[in-house]
Every structure is written in C-alpha cells, then in structure tokens.
Amino acid sequence: MKTLRKERRYETFSYLPALSDAQIARQIQYTIDQGYFPCIEFNEDSAAETCYWTMWKLPLFNARSPQEVLNEVQQCRSEFPDCYIRVVAFDNIKQCQVMSFIVHKPGAGGYRY
C-alpha cells in the first residue's frame, strides 16, 4: 500500500494522486453530460474557510466539450499563475454548486492544466 506524501488537502480529489489531463477532461465531460454548467474560479489561498473565490468570466453556459472549458482554464492560468484554479459545476434546477475540484496549484507540477 502506498502512502501519499504529507501535504495540505484541498478538496475531495486531493486525496487521490494528481489527475492527468485526460482525467480532468473526463470529469468535465461528466459535468456537461449531467446538464451542469461548468465555471472556473481562482483564488490566492485555498484555505477551507475561504468560501468565496473569484469567478473567471461567467459560467460556461454554452460549453459543449471539455476542451472549451480547458481552454478557459489555460487562459486563467496564464493570467493568474500564482493562484489556485478550480472547476465548479452548477445545477440550474437545484440552484446550487454540486461539484468542484482544483485543476491548478501554484508551484506544483502535479496538475498540468
């Protein structure tokens, strides 16, 4: 059994090994397939008590493919390389956030997107 190295945990997926680009794309595809609207948020700090992150543009209401979302993640990352970036999914029926996961950690080589 392999033990992950000691580091701060951020959200559910942080307990897994770093997601590959393909795995991130599959999570985003799942979000789109469920009818959720993906959104990109960023923040300098990822502390659990930080509830409000800055939204990168508006939610991607017309996103039909993971690549569209990943292109926005890349743009956000190039403009704010020292921030944590996460993808959030909103359910327009329940009017709430149903999923989120970090896709970029500043200074970490684990997430390439």
Protein backbone atom coordinates (compact mmCIF):
# COMPACT_ATOMS: atom_id res chain seq x y z
CA MET A 1 0.00 0.00 0.00
CA LYS A 2 1.38 3.37 -1.00
CA THR A 3 1.03 6.37 1.31
CA LEU A 4 0.71 9.80 -0.25
CA ARG A 5 3.32 12.30 0.86
CA LYS A 6 2.25 14.69 3.57
CA GLU A 7 0.73 17.86 2.16
CA ARG A 8 -2.30 20.03 2.68
CA ARG A 9 -5.53 18.57 1.33
CA TYR A 10 -7.90 20.87 -0.51
CA GLU A 11 -10.97 19.06 -1.80
CA THR A 12 -12.15 15.50 -2.39
CA PHE A 13 -9.90 14.74 -5.37
CA SER A 14 -6.83 15.94 -3.46
CA TYR A 15 -6.75 12.60 -1.63
CA LEU A 16 -6.08 10.89 -4.96
CA PRO A 17 -2.86 11.09 -6.95
CA ALA A 18 -2.76 14.15 -9.23
CA LEU A 19 -5.28 13.94 -12.06
CA SER A 20 -3.92 13.68 -15.58
CA ASP A 21 -5.18 15.96 -18.34
CA ALA A 22 -7.36 13.15 -19.67
CA GLN A 23 -8.87 12.53 -16.23
CA ILE A 24 -9.63 16.23 -15.79
CA ALA A 25 -11.29 16.24 -19.22
CA ARG A 26 -13.41 13.21 -18.24
CA GLN A 27 -14.58 14.94 -15.06
CA ILE A 28 -15.56 18.00 -17.07
CA GLN A 29 -17.33 15.80 -19.63
CA TYR A 30 -19.30 14.19 -16.79
CA THR A 31 -20.29 17.67 -15.61
CA ILE A 32 -21.55 18.61 -19.06
CA ASP A 33 -23.31 15.25 -19.55
CA GLN A 34 -25.25 15.77 -16.30
CA GLY A 35 -26.53 19.11 -17.58
CA TYR A 36 -24.47 21.12 -15.10
CA PHE A 37 -22.84 24.39 -16.08
CA PRO A 38 -19.07 24.48 -15.60
CA CYS A 39 -17.45 27.56 -14.17
CA ILE A 40 -13.82 28.45 -13.44
CA GLU A 41 -12.80 30.14 -10.21
CA PHE A 42 -9.43 31.23 -8.84
CA ASN A 43 -8.03 32.41 -5.53
CA GLU A 44 -4.65 33.14 -3.95
CA ASP A 45 -5.48 30.98 -0.93
CA SER A 46 -7.21 27.62 -0.79
CA ALA A 47 -7.95 27.50 2.93
CA ALA A 48 -11.09 25.58 3.84
CA GLU A 49 -12.58 28.64 5.49
CA THR A 50 -12.25 30.63 2.24
CA CYS A 51 -15.75 30.25 0.82
CA TYR A 52 -15.65 32.92 -1.85
CA TRP A 53 -13.38 32.53 -4.85
CA THR A 54 -13.17 34.95 -7.76
CA MET A 55 -15.08 33.81 -10.82
CA TRP A 56 -13.16 33.73 -14.10
CA LYS A 57 -15.64 35.24 -16.55
CA LEU A 58 -19.22 33.96 -16.41
CA PRO A 59 -20.20 30.28 -16.10
CA LEU A 60 -19.76 28.48 -19.41
CA PHE A 61 -23.47 28.05 -20.21
CA ASN A 62 -22.82 27.07 -23.83
CA ALA A 63 -19.91 24.67 -23.24
CA ARG A 64 -20.39 21.50 -25.24
CA SER A 65 -16.95 19.93 -24.89
CA PRO A 66 -14.32 19.65 -22.16
CA GLN A 67 -11.80 21.35 -24.44
CA GLU A 68 -13.76 24.60 -24.32
CA VAL A 69 -13.55 24.56 -20.51
CA LEU A 70 -9.88 23.56 -20.53
CA ASN A 71 -9.08 26.44 -22.89
CA GLU A 72 -10.59 28.84 -20.34
CA VAL A 73 -8.61 27.14 -17.55
CA GLN A 74 -5.44 27.67 -19.58
CA GLN A 75 -6.25 31.35 -20.11
CA CYS A 76 -6.94 31.82 -16.40
CA ARG A 77 -3.72 30.03 -15.52
CA SER A 78 -1.65 32.18 -17.86
CA GLU A 79 -3.13 35.37 -16.37
CA PHE A 80 -3.03 34.22 -12.72
CA PRO A 81 -0.18 31.67 -12.46
CA ASP A 82 0.22 32.17 -8.69
CA CYS A 83 -3.40 31.30 -7.87
CA TYR A 84 -5.28 28.09 -7.22
CA ILE A 85 -7.75 27.37 -10.01
CA ARG A 86 -10.78 25.12 -9.72
CA VAL A 87 -13.61 23.95 -11.94
CA VAL A 88 -17.05 24.24 -10.37
CA ALA A 89 -20.31 22.71 -11.60
CA PHE A 90 -23.64 24.46 -11.05
CA ASP A 91 -27.05 22.78 -11.20
CA ASN A 92 -29.61 25.20 -12.62
CA ILE A 93 -32.54 23.17 -11.22
CA LYS A 94 -31.32 22.98 -7.61
CA GLN A 95 -29.72 26.42 -7.93
CA CYS A 96 -26.54 25.36 -6.21
CA GLN A 97 -22.97 24.19 -6.68
CA VAL A 98 -22.85 20.41 -6.98
CA MET A 99 -19.19 19.71 -7.69
CA SER A 100 -15.79 21.38 -7.61
CA PHE A 101 -12.18 20.31 -7.92
CA ILE A 102 -8.83 22.03 -8.17
CA VAL A 103 -7.11 21.83 -11.55
CA HIS A 104 -4.10 24.06 -10.86
CA LYS A 105 -1.94 24.55 -7.77
CA PRO A 106 0.68 27.31 -7.92
CA GLY A 107 4.20 25.93 -7.89
CA ALA A 108 3.04 22.31 -8.11
CA GLY A 109 3.91 20.09 -11.01
CA GLY A 110 1.03 17.70 -10.32
CA TYR A 111 -1.63 19.45 -12.37
CA ARG A 112 -0.52 20.46 -15.81
CA TYR A 113 -3.65 22.27 -16.91
